[in-house]
């Protein structure tokens, strides 16, 4: 979150310096003044920094970067029929009074020294539940009944499939070995 705020701040400063650069370039051509090299370097550096932050956020996403201190325990534990997996849902409020709530589901593999994997991340809807279809498939219901386009429900085969509403996990170069199929809205 701090990286995103830093990116917005740097973007703002870069936009202002770009406008200043355009004005100074125009003045330097009209009045035959020296080219503003320092301002050009500062603007290009700001643009490169903002691009780097964007690329990092987009292609190097992991769930481990989430602020686990602000999470609230949700539904769970829901144990698979063979007791190999345990599913737990967590909620993360965002945006203060006018914001919303994200939900994510973590699967614990009870046979592999409690190995945990996040398999689902989405905006939380009012109708949320989890149920095991079989020993390796978890059905997650995440729906707002009065809004037909709000359904984020899905069946996931554990160890092979994940869902990330915004698609960050699907684009991540760091996570591509953790799943075979990634779903996004």
N, C-alpha and C. Protein backbone atom coordinates (compact mmCIF):
# COMPACT_ATOMS: atom_id res chain seq x y z
N UNK A 1 0.81 -1.19 0.00
CA UNK A 1 0.00 0.00 0.00
C UNK A 1 0.86 1.25 0.00
N UNK A 2 1.96 1.22 0.73
CA UNK A 2 2.86 2.36 0.79
C UNK A 2 3.48 2.59 -0.58
N UNK A 3 3.80 1.51 -1.28
CA UNK A 3 4.37 1.61 -2.62
C UNK A 3 3.40 2.28 -3.58
N UNK A 4 2.12 1.97 -3.45
CA UNK A 4 1.11 2.58 -4.32
C UNK A 4 0.98 4.07 -4.03
N UNK A 5 0.96 4.45 -2.75
CA UNK A 5 0.90 5.87 -2.39
C UNK A 5 2.13 6.62 -2.87
N UNK A 6 3.29 6.00 -2.74
CA UNK A 6 4.52 6.59 -3.23
C UNK A 6 4.44 6.78 -4.75
N UNK A 7 3.89 5.79 -5.43
CA UNK A 7 3.72 5.88 -6.88
C UNK A 7 2.82 7.03 -7.28
N UNK A 8 1.71 7.24 -6.57
CA UNK A 8 0.81 8.36 -6.85
C UNK A 8 1.51 9.70 -6.62
N UNK A 9 2.26 9.79 -5.53
CA UNK A 9 2.98 11.02 -5.23
C UNK A 9 4.01 11.32 -6.31
N UNK A 10 4.79 10.32 -6.70
CA UNK A 10 5.79 10.52 -7.74
C UNK A 10 5.13 10.84 -9.08
N UNK A 11 3.99 10.22 -9.37
CA UNK A 11 3.25 10.53 -10.60
C UNK A 11 2.82 11.99 -10.62
N UNK A 12 2.34 12.49 -9.50
CA UNK A 12 1.90 13.87 -9.41
C UNK A 12 3.07 14.83 -9.65
N UNK A 13 4.18 14.57 -8.98
CA UNK A 13 5.37 15.41 -9.14
C UNK A 13 5.87 15.34 -10.59
N UNK A 14 5.87 14.14 -11.17
CA UNK A 14 6.32 13.97 -12.55
C UNK A 14 5.41 14.71 -13.53
N UNK A 15 4.11 14.68 -13.29
CA UNK A 15 3.18 15.40 -14.17
C UNK A 15 3.42 16.90 -14.11
N UNK A 16 3.66 17.42 -12.91
CA UNK A 16 3.94 18.85 -12.77
C UNK A 16 5.26 19.20 -13.47
N UNK A 17 6.29 18.37 -13.26
CA UNK A 17 7.57 18.66 -13.91
C UNK A 17 7.47 18.53 -15.42
N UNK A 18 6.61 17.63 -15.93
CA UNK A 18 6.40 17.52 -17.37
C UNK A 18 5.77 18.79 -17.94
N UNK A 19 4.77 19.31 -17.23
CA UNK A 19 4.14 20.56 -17.68
C UNK A 19 5.15 21.71 -17.66
N UNK A 20 5.96 21.79 -16.62
CA UNK A 20 7.00 22.80 -16.54
C UNK A 20 8.02 22.62 -17.66
N UNK A 21 8.38 21.37 -17.94
CA UNK A 21 9.33 21.08 -19.01
C UNK A 21 8.79 21.55 -20.36
N UNK A 22 7.52 21.27 -20.62
CA UNK A 22 6.91 21.71 -21.89
C UNK A 22 6.95 23.24 -22.01
N UNK A 23 6.64 23.91 -20.91
CA UNK A 23 6.67 25.37 -20.93
C UNK A 23 8.09 25.89 -21.15
N UNK A 24 9.07 25.30 -20.46
CA UNK A 24 10.46 25.76 -20.60
C UNK A 24 11.02 25.44 -21.99
N UNK A 25 10.64 24.31 -22.57
CA UNK A 25 11.10 23.99 -23.93
C UNK A 25 10.52 25.01 -24.92
N UNK A 26 9.25 25.34 -24.74
CA UNK A 26 8.62 26.33 -25.61
C UNK A 26 9.33 27.68 -25.48
N UNK A 27 9.61 28.09 -24.26
CA UNK A 27 10.30 29.36 -24.02
C UNK A 27 11.71 29.32 -24.59
N UNK A 28 12.39 28.18 -24.44
CA UNK A 28 13.77 28.09 -24.96
C UNK A 28 13.81 28.19 -26.48
N UNK A 29 12.79 27.70 -27.19
CA UNK A 29 12.75 27.82 -28.64
C UNK A 29 12.38 29.23 -29.08
N UNK A 30 11.45 29.84 -28.37
CA UNK A 30 10.98 31.17 -28.76
C UNK A 30 12.04 32.23 -28.45
N UNK A 31 12.60 32.18 -27.24
CA UNK A 31 13.54 33.23 -26.82
C UNK A 31 15.00 32.83 -26.98
N UNK A 32 15.25 31.69 -27.63
CA UNK A 32 16.62 31.21 -27.88
C UNK A 32 17.41 31.07 -26.58
N UNK A 33 16.77 30.53 -25.54
CA UNK A 33 17.43 30.27 -24.26
C UNK A 33 17.96 28.83 -24.26
N UNK A 34 18.85 28.48 -23.32
CA UNK A 34 19.39 27.12 -23.28
C UNK A 34 18.29 26.08 -22.98
N UNK A 35 18.47 24.89 -23.53
CA UNK A 35 17.54 23.78 -23.32
C UNK A 35 17.56 23.35 -21.85
N UNK A 36 16.40 23.11 -21.21
CA UNK A 36 16.34 22.75 -19.77
C UNK A 36 16.69 21.28 -19.53
N UNK A 37 17.99 20.98 -19.56
CA UNK A 37 18.46 19.59 -19.45
C UNK A 37 18.15 18.96 -18.09
N UNK A 38 18.36 19.71 -17.01
CA UNK A 38 18.12 19.16 -15.66
C UNK A 38 16.64 18.80 -15.46
N UNK A 39 15.76 19.65 -15.95
CA UNK A 39 14.33 19.38 -15.83
C UNK A 39 13.93 18.18 -16.68
N UNK A 40 14.55 18.05 -17.85
CA UNK A 40 14.30 16.88 -18.71
C UNK A 40 14.73 15.60 -18.00
N UNK A 41 15.90 15.62 -17.39
CA UNK A 41 16.41 14.44 -16.68
C UNK A 41 15.51 14.11 -15.48
N UNK A 42 15.07 15.13 -14.74
CA UNK A 42 14.19 14.90 -13.59
C UNK A 42 12.86 14.32 -14.04
N UNK A 43 12.29 14.83 -15.13
CA UNK A 43 11.01 14.32 -15.64
C UNK A 43 11.15 12.88 -16.12
N UNK A 44 12.21 12.60 -16.87
CA UNK A 44 12.42 11.23 -17.36
C UNK A 44 12.68 10.26 -16.21
N UNK A 45 13.39 10.72 -15.18
CA UNK A 45 13.64 9.87 -14.00
C UNK A 45 12.34 9.56 -13.27
N UNK A 46 11.50 10.57 -13.12
CA UNK A 46 10.19 10.36 -12.48
C UNK A 46 9.33 9.38 -13.27
N UNK A 47 9.32 9.54 -14.59
CA UNK A 47 8.54 8.63 -15.45
C UNK A 47 9.07 7.20 -15.35
N UNK A 48 10.40 7.06 -15.32
CA UNK A 48 11.00 5.72 -15.19
C UNK A 48 10.66 5.10 -13.84
N UNK A 49 10.67 5.90 -12.79
CA UNK A 49 10.36 5.39 -11.45
C UNK A 49 8.89 4.96 -11.35
N UNK A 50 7.98 5.77 -11.88
CA UNK A 50 6.56 5.42 -11.87
C UNK A 50 6.32 4.15 -12.68
N UNK A 51 6.98 4.04 -13.83
CA UNK A 51 6.84 2.83 -14.66
C UNK A 51 7.37 1.60 -13.93
N UNK A 52 8.48 1.76 -13.22
CA UNK A 52 9.05 0.64 -12.46
C UNK A 52 8.09 0.18 -11.36
N UNK A 53 7.48 1.12 -10.66
CA UNK A 53 6.52 0.76 -9.60
C UNK A 53 5.33 0.04 -10.21
N UNK A 54 4.83 0.53 -11.33
CA UNK A 54 3.69 -0.12 -12.01
C UNK A 54 4.06 -1.54 -12.44
N UNK A 55 5.21 -1.72 -13.05
CA UNK A 55 5.64 -3.05 -13.50
C UNK A 55 5.81 -3.98 -12.30
N UNK A 56 6.40 -3.48 -11.22
CA UNK A 56 6.58 -4.29 -10.03
C UNK A 56 5.23 -4.74 -9.46
N UNK A 57 4.30 -3.80 -9.32
CA UNK A 57 2.98 -4.13 -8.77
C UNK A 57 2.22 -5.11 -9.67
N UNK A 58 2.39 -4.97 -10.98
CA UNK A 58 1.62 -5.77 -11.92
C UNK A 58 2.20 -7.19 -12.10
N UNK A 59 3.51 -7.31 -12.23
CA UNK A 59 4.10 -8.58 -12.61
C UNK A 59 4.86 -9.29 -11.49
N UNK A 60 4.96 -8.68 -10.32
CA UNK A 60 5.66 -9.32 -9.21
C UNK A 60 4.76 -9.40 -7.98
N UNK A 61 3.47 -9.57 -8.21
CA UNK A 61 2.48 -9.67 -7.15
C UNK A 61 2.59 -11.01 -6.44
N UNK A 62 2.47 -10.99 -5.12
CA UNK A 62 2.30 -12.20 -4.32
C UNK A 62 1.30 -11.87 -3.20
N UNK A 63 0.65 -12.88 -2.71
CA UNK A 63 -0.28 -12.67 -1.61
C UNK A 63 0.45 -12.38 -0.31
N UNK A 64 1.74 -12.67 -0.24
CA UNK A 64 2.48 -12.44 0.99
C UNK A 64 2.64 -10.96 1.30
N UNK A 65 2.44 -10.09 0.32
CA UNK A 65 2.54 -8.66 0.55
C UNK A 65 1.31 -8.05 1.20
N UNK A 66 0.30 -8.84 1.47
CA UNK A 66 -0.93 -8.33 2.06
C UNK A 66 -0.72 -8.05 3.54
N UNK A 67 -1.35 -6.99 4.03
CA UNK A 67 -1.25 -6.61 5.44
C UNK A 67 -2.14 -7.51 6.29
N UNK A 68 -1.56 -8.52 6.85
CA UNK A 68 -2.32 -9.52 7.61
C UNK A 68 -2.77 -9.01 8.98
N UNK A 69 -2.26 -7.88 9.41
CA UNK A 69 -2.66 -7.32 10.70
C UNK A 69 -4.09 -6.78 10.67
N UNK A 70 -4.54 -6.32 9.50
CA UNK A 70 -5.88 -5.72 9.41
C UNK A 70 -6.96 -6.74 9.03
N UNK A 71 -6.59 -8.01 8.89
CA UNK A 71 -7.55 -9.03 8.49
C UNK A 71 -8.48 -9.39 9.64
N UNK A 72 -9.68 -9.78 9.25
CA UNK A 72 -10.66 -10.27 10.22
C UNK A 72 -11.00 -11.71 9.84
N UNK A 73 -11.03 -12.57 10.82
CA UNK A 73 -11.36 -13.97 10.58
C UNK A 73 -12.79 -14.06 10.08
N UNK A 74 -12.98 -14.81 9.02
CA UNK A 74 -14.31 -14.99 8.44
C UNK A 74 -14.78 -16.41 8.65
N UNK A 75 -15.30 -16.97 7.60
CA UNK A 75 -15.84 -18.32 7.63
C UNK A 75 -14.72 -19.35 7.73
N UNK A 76 -14.93 -20.38 8.48
CA UNK A 76 -13.96 -21.46 8.55
C UNK A 76 -13.60 -21.76 9.98
N UNK A 77 -12.90 -22.81 10.20
CA UNK A 77 -12.33 -23.71 9.20
C UNK A 77 -13.37 -24.67 8.62
N UNK A 78 -13.19 -24.92 7.31
CA UNK A 78 -14.02 -25.89 6.61
C UNK A 78 -13.07 -26.98 6.13
N UNK A 79 -13.22 -28.18 6.68
CA UNK A 79 -12.28 -29.27 6.40
C UNK A 79 -12.79 -30.13 5.26
N UNK A 80 -11.84 -30.55 4.39
CA UNK A 80 -12.20 -31.40 3.25
C UNK A 80 -12.62 -32.78 3.74
N UNK A 81 -13.34 -33.55 2.91
CA UNK A 81 -13.83 -34.88 3.34
C UNK A 81 -12.74 -35.82 3.82
N UNK A 82 -11.55 -35.74 3.22
CA UNK A 82 -10.45 -36.62 3.65
C UNK A 82 -9.60 -35.99 4.75
N UNK A 83 -9.95 -34.77 5.16
CA UNK A 83 -9.24 -33.99 6.17
C UNK A 83 -7.82 -33.62 5.76
N UNK A 84 -7.53 -33.69 4.44
CA UNK A 84 -6.22 -33.30 3.94
C UNK A 84 -6.10 -31.77 3.91
N UNK A 85 -7.20 -31.08 3.58
CA UNK A 85 -7.19 -29.62 3.45
C UNK A 85 -8.16 -28.98 4.43
N UNK A 86 -7.80 -27.76 4.84
CA UNK A 86 -8.68 -26.93 5.64
C UNK A 86 -8.76 -25.56 4.97
N UNK A 87 -9.98 -25.09 4.75
CA UNK A 87 -10.20 -23.78 4.12
C UNK A 87 -10.63 -22.77 5.17
N UNK A 88 -10.04 -21.59 5.13
CA UNK A 88 -10.40 -20.49 6.00
C UNK A 88 -10.58 -19.23 5.16
N UNK A 89 -11.62 -18.48 5.44
CA UNK A 89 -11.86 -17.21 4.75
C UNK A 89 -11.53 -16.06 5.69
N UNK A 90 -10.97 -15.00 5.12
CA UNK A 90 -10.60 -13.81 5.87
C UNK A 90 -11.16 -12.59 5.17
N UNK A 91 -11.45 -11.56 5.95
CA UNK A 91 -11.99 -10.32 5.41
C UNK A 91 -11.02 -9.18 5.68
N UNK A 92 -10.91 -8.28 4.71
CA UNK A 92 -10.05 -7.11 4.85
C UNK A 92 -10.85 -5.87 4.46
N UNK A 93 -11.24 -5.06 5.44
CA UNK A 93 -11.94 -3.81 5.11
C UNK A 93 -10.96 -2.83 4.44
N UNK A 94 -11.47 -2.04 3.51
CA UNK A 94 -10.65 -1.03 2.85
C UNK A 94 -11.48 0.23 2.61
N UNK A 95 -10.83 1.36 2.55
CA UNK A 95 -11.48 2.61 2.17
C UNK A 95 -12.29 3.29 3.26
N UNK A 96 -12.17 2.88 4.49
CA UNK A 96 -12.91 3.56 5.57
C UNK A 96 -14.41 3.35 5.47
N UNK A 97 -15.18 4.36 5.88
CA UNK A 97 -16.64 4.25 5.94
C UNK A 97 -17.27 4.08 4.56
N UNK A 98 -16.67 4.65 3.55
CA UNK A 98 -17.24 4.56 2.20
C UNK A 98 -16.65 3.41 1.40
N UNK A 99 -15.76 2.63 1.99
CA UNK A 99 -15.07 1.56 1.28
C UNK A 99 -15.87 0.27 1.22
N UNK A 100 -15.16 -0.81 1.12
CA UNK A 100 -15.79 -2.12 1.04
C UNK A 100 -14.97 -3.14 1.80
N UNK A 101 -15.15 -4.40 1.42
CA UNK A 101 -14.45 -5.50 2.08
C UNK A 101 -13.96 -6.48 1.02
N UNK A 102 -12.69 -6.87 1.14
CA UNK A 102 -12.16 -7.94 0.30
C UNK A 102 -12.25 -9.24 1.09
N UNK A 103 -12.39 -10.34 0.37
CA UNK A 103 -12.38 -11.66 1.00
C UNK A 103 -11.33 -12.50 0.28
N UNK A 104 -10.62 -13.30 1.05
CA UNK A 104 -9.72 -14.26 0.44
C UNK A 104 -9.80 -15.56 1.19
N UNK A 105 -9.49 -16.63 0.49
CA UNK A 105 -9.58 -17.97 1.06
C UNK A 105 -8.19 -18.59 1.04
N UNK A 106 -7.78 -19.07 2.21
CA UNK A 106 -6.50 -19.74 2.35
C UNK A 106 -6.74 -21.22 2.60
N UNK A 107 -5.99 -22.04 1.92
CA UNK A 107 -6.08 -23.49 2.09
C UNK A 107 -4.84 -23.96 2.84
N UNK A 108 -5.05 -24.72 3.88
CA UNK A 108 -3.93 -25.33 4.61
C UNK A 108 -3.89 -26.80 4.26
N UNK A 109 -2.72 -27.25 3.77
CA UNK A 109 -2.52 -28.67 3.50
C UNK A 109 -2.05 -29.30 4.80
N UNK A 110 -2.92 -30.07 5.44
CA UNK A 110 -2.62 -30.65 6.75
C UNK A 110 -1.59 -31.76 6.69
N UNK A 111 -1.33 -32.33 5.49
CA UNK A 111 -0.36 -33.41 5.33
C UNK A 111 1.05 -32.92 5.03
N UNK A 112 1.20 -31.66 4.68
CA UNK A 112 2.52 -31.12 4.32
C UNK A 112 2.96 -30.02 5.28
N UNK A 113 3.09 -30.36 6.55
CA UNK A 113 3.54 -29.44 7.58
C UNK A 113 2.78 -28.11 7.54
N UNK A 114 1.46 -28.22 7.44
CA UNK A 114 0.58 -27.05 7.43
C UNK A 114 0.94 -26.02 6.36
N UNK A 115 1.28 -26.50 5.16
CA UNK A 115 1.57 -25.62 4.03
C UNK A 115 0.30 -24.86 3.65
N UNK A 116 0.42 -23.51 3.55
CA UNK A 116 -0.75 -22.68 3.26
C UNK A 116 -0.62 -22.07 1.87
N UNK A 117 -1.79 -21.94 1.19
CA UNK A 117 -1.84 -21.32 -0.13
C UNK A 117 -3.13 -20.52 -0.25
N UNK A 118 -3.01 -19.28 -0.71
CA UNK A 118 -4.19 -18.47 -0.98
C UNK A 118 -4.71 -18.87 -2.36
N UNK A 119 -5.99 -19.24 -2.43
CA UNK A 119 -6.55 -19.71 -3.69
C UNK A 119 -7.65 -18.81 -4.22
N UNK A 120 -8.10 -17.83 -3.43
CA UNK A 120 -9.23 -17.00 -3.85
C UNK A 120 -9.08 -15.61 -3.24
N UNK A 121 -9.29 -14.57 -4.07
CA UNK A 121 -9.27 -13.19 -3.59
C UNK A 121 -10.27 -12.39 -4.42
N UNK A 122 -11.20 -11.72 -3.73
CA UNK A 122 -12.25 -10.98 -4.44
C UNK A 122 -12.87 -9.94 -3.52
N UNK A 123 -13.70 -9.10 -4.10
CA UNK A 123 -14.53 -8.19 -3.33
C UNK A 123 -15.62 -9.03 -2.67
N UNK A 124 -15.83 -8.84 -1.38
CA UNK A 124 -16.81 -9.66 -0.66
C UNK A 124 -18.23 -9.22 -0.98
N UNK A 125 -19.11 -10.19 -1.17
CA UNK A 125 -20.54 -9.95 -1.40
C UNK A 125 -21.30 -10.41 -0.16
N UNK A 126 -22.59 -10.12 -0.10
CA UNK A 126 -23.37 -10.41 1.11
C UNK A 126 -23.63 -11.91 1.30
N UNK A 127 -23.63 -12.68 0.22
CA UNK A 127 -23.90 -14.11 0.30
C UNK A 127 -22.60 -14.86 0.04
N UNK A 128 -21.90 -15.24 1.13
CA UNK A 128 -20.61 -15.92 1.02
C UNK A 128 -20.63 -17.23 1.80
N UNK A 129 -20.16 -18.30 1.14
CA UNK A 129 -20.02 -19.59 1.83
C UNK A 129 -18.99 -20.44 1.08
N UNK A 130 -18.51 -21.48 1.76
CA UNK A 130 -17.56 -22.43 1.16
C UNK A 130 -18.04 -23.83 1.47
N UNK A 131 -17.88 -24.71 0.48
CA UNK A 131 -18.29 -26.11 0.67
C UNK A 131 -17.41 -26.99 -0.19
N UNK A 132 -16.97 -28.12 0.36
CA UNK A 132 -16.14 -29.05 -0.40
C UNK A 132 -17.03 -29.91 -1.30
N UNK A 133 -16.73 -29.94 -2.59
CA UNK A 133 -17.46 -30.76 -3.55
C UNK A 133 -16.95 -32.19 -3.48
N UNK A 134 -15.63 -32.34 -3.41
CA UNK A 134 -14.98 -33.63 -3.20
C UNK A 134 -13.68 -33.36 -2.45
N UNK A 135 -12.78 -34.34 -2.38
CA UNK A 135 -11.59 -34.18 -1.55
C UNK A 135 -10.61 -33.12 -2.05
N UNK A 136 -10.68 -32.72 -3.34
CA UNK A 136 -9.76 -31.73 -3.88
C UNK A 136 -10.45 -30.50 -4.48
N UNK A 137 -11.76 -30.42 -4.42
CA UNK A 137 -12.49 -29.33 -5.07
C UNK A 137 -13.32 -28.56 -4.05
N UNK A 138 -13.07 -27.25 -4.00
CA UNK A 138 -13.77 -26.36 -3.08
C UNK A 138 -14.69 -25.45 -3.89
N UNK A 139 -15.96 -25.39 -3.50
CA UNK A 139 -16.90 -24.46 -4.12
C UNK A 139 -17.02 -23.24 -3.23
N UNK A 140 -16.76 -22.07 -3.81
CA UNK A 140 -16.86 -20.81 -3.07
C UNK A 140 -18.02 -20.02 -3.66
N UNK A 141 -18.99 -19.73 -2.82
CA UNK A 141 -20.15 -18.93 -3.22
C UNK A 141 -19.90 -17.51 -2.72
N UNK A 142 -19.87 -16.56 -3.65
CA UNK A 142 -19.66 -15.15 -3.31
C UNK A 142 -20.54 -14.34 -4.26
N UNK A 143 -21.73 -13.99 -3.77
CA UNK A 143 -22.75 -13.43 -4.64
C UNK A 143 -23.56 -12.36 -3.92
N UNK A 144 -24.06 -11.43 -4.67
CA UNK A 144 -25.00 -10.41 -4.19
C UNK A 144 -26.31 -10.68 -4.93
N UNK A 145 -27.29 -11.34 -4.30
CA UNK A 145 -28.49 -11.82 -5.00
C UNK A 145 -29.25 -10.75 -5.80
N UNK A 146 -29.26 -9.51 -5.34
CA UNK A 146 -30.02 -8.46 -6.02
C UNK A 146 -29.29 -7.86 -7.22
N UNK A 147 -28.03 -8.23 -7.42
CA UNK A 147 -27.24 -7.70 -8.53
C UNK A 147 -26.69 -8.87 -9.35
N UNK A 148 -27.28 -9.16 -10.51
CA UNK A 148 -26.90 -10.34 -11.28
C UNK A 148 -25.45 -10.36 -11.76
N UNK A 149 -24.83 -9.21 -11.97
CA UNK A 149 -23.45 -9.17 -12.46
C UNK A 149 -22.41 -9.24 -11.34
N UNK A 150 -22.84 -9.48 -10.13
CA UNK A 150 -21.92 -9.47 -8.99
C UNK A 150 -21.45 -10.87 -8.59
N UNK A 151 -21.87 -11.89 -9.28
CA UNK A 151 -21.52 -13.26 -8.89
C UNK A 151 -20.04 -13.54 -9.09
N UNK A 152 -19.34 -13.85 -8.01
CA UNK A 152 -17.92 -14.20 -8.04
C UNK A 152 -17.72 -15.63 -7.53
N UNK A 153 -18.73 -16.47 -7.70
CA UNK A 153 -18.68 -17.85 -7.23
C UNK A 153 -17.86 -18.70 -8.21
N UNK A 154 -17.19 -19.73 -7.66
CA UNK A 154 -16.34 -20.57 -8.50
C UNK A 154 -16.02 -21.89 -7.80
N UNK A 155 -15.79 -22.92 -8.60
CA UNK A 155 -15.27 -24.20 -8.10
C UNK A 155 -13.78 -24.22 -8.41
N UNK A 156 -12.97 -24.52 -7.39
CA UNK A 156 -11.52 -24.54 -7.57
C UNK A 156 -10.95 -25.89 -7.18
N UNK A 157 -10.12 -26.43 -8.07
CA UNK A 157 -9.40 -27.65 -7.75
C UNK A 157 -8.12 -27.24 -7.02
N UNK A 158 -8.01 -27.63 -5.78
CA UNK A 158 -6.91 -27.20 -4.91
C UNK A 158 -5.58 -27.72 -5.44
N UNK A 159 -4.60 -26.83 -5.45
CA UNK A 159 -3.28 -27.18 -5.96
C UNK A 159 -3.13 -26.94 -7.45
N UNK A 160 -4.25 -26.71 -8.16
CA UNK A 160 -4.19 -26.51 -9.60
C UNK A 160 -4.82 -25.21 -10.06
N UNK A 161 -5.79 -24.68 -9.31
CA UNK A 161 -6.52 -23.51 -9.76
C UNK A 161 -6.59 -22.46 -8.66
N UNK A 162 -6.56 -21.18 -9.07
CA UNK A 162 -6.77 -20.07 -8.16
C UNK A 162 -7.65 -19.03 -8.85
N UNK A 163 -8.19 -18.11 -8.03
CA UNK A 163 -9.02 -17.03 -8.56
C UNK A 163 -8.58 -15.73 -7.92
N UNK A 164 -8.35 -14.73 -8.76
CA UNK A 164 -8.05 -13.38 -8.28
C UNK A 164 -8.88 -12.43 -9.11
N UNK A 165 -9.82 -11.73 -8.47
CA UNK A 165 -10.80 -10.92 -9.19
C UNK A 165 -10.14 -9.92 -10.14
N UNK A 166 -9.09 -9.25 -9.72
CA UNK A 166 -8.43 -8.24 -10.55
C UNK A 166 -7.39 -8.83 -11.49
N UNK A 167 -7.06 -10.10 -11.34
CA UNK A 167 -6.13 -10.75 -12.23
C UNK A 167 -4.66 -10.56 -11.90
N UNK A 168 -4.34 -9.92 -10.77
CA UNK A 168 -2.93 -9.70 -10.45
C UNK A 168 -2.18 -11.02 -10.26
N UNK A 169 -2.80 -11.99 -9.63
CA UNK A 169 -2.14 -13.29 -9.44
C UNK A 169 -1.95 -14.00 -10.77
N UNK A 170 -2.84 -13.75 -11.73
CA UNK A 170 -2.75 -14.39 -13.04
C UNK A 170 -1.60 -13.83 -13.86
N UNK A 171 -1.25 -12.57 -13.66
CA UNK A 171 -0.18 -11.92 -14.42
C UNK A 171 1.17 -12.03 -13.73
N UNK A 172 1.18 -12.42 -12.47
CA UNK A 172 2.40 -12.42 -11.68
C UNK A 172 3.42 -13.44 -12.17
N UNK A 173 4.62 -12.98 -12.41
CA UNK A 173 5.70 -13.88 -12.80
C UNK A 173 6.17 -14.73 -11.63
N UNK A 174 6.00 -14.22 -10.41
CA UNK A 174 6.42 -14.95 -9.22
C UNK A 174 5.47 -16.07 -8.83
N UNK A 175 4.21 -15.99 -9.26
CA UNK A 175 3.21 -16.98 -8.85
C UNK A 175 2.88 -18.01 -9.93
N UNK A 176 3.44 -17.88 -11.12
CA UNK A 176 3.01 -18.73 -12.23
C UNK A 176 3.27 -20.21 -12.00
N UNK A 177 4.17 -20.57 -11.10
CA UNK A 177 4.46 -21.98 -10.82
C UNK A 177 3.56 -22.56 -9.73
N UNK A 178 2.73 -21.74 -9.10
CA UNK A 178 1.89 -22.18 -7.99
C UNK A 178 0.54 -22.73 -8.43
N UNK A 179 0.19 -22.62 -9.70
CA UNK A 179 -1.11 -23.07 -10.18
C UNK A 179 -1.01 -23.42 -11.67
N UNK A 180 -1.98 -24.18 -12.14
CA UNK A 180 -2.08 -24.50 -13.56
C UNK A 180 -3.04 -23.55 -14.27
N UNK A 181 -4.13 -23.18 -13.58
CA UNK A 181 -5.14 -22.30 -14.17
C UNK A 181 -5.46 -21.19 -13.18
N UNK A 182 -5.52 -19.97 -13.71
CA UNK A 182 -5.86 -18.81 -12.89
C UNK A 182 -7.09 -18.16 -13.52
N UNK A 183 -8.09 -17.89 -12.68
CA UNK A 183 -9.32 -17.25 -13.15
C UNK A 183 -9.37 -15.82 -12.64
N UNK A 184 -9.94 -14.95 -13.44
CA UNK A 184 -10.17 -13.57 -13.03
C UNK A 184 -11.49 -13.10 -13.58
N UNK A 185 -11.99 -12.02 -13.03
CA UNK A 185 -13.29 -11.51 -13.46
C UNK A 185 -13.14 -10.70 -14.72
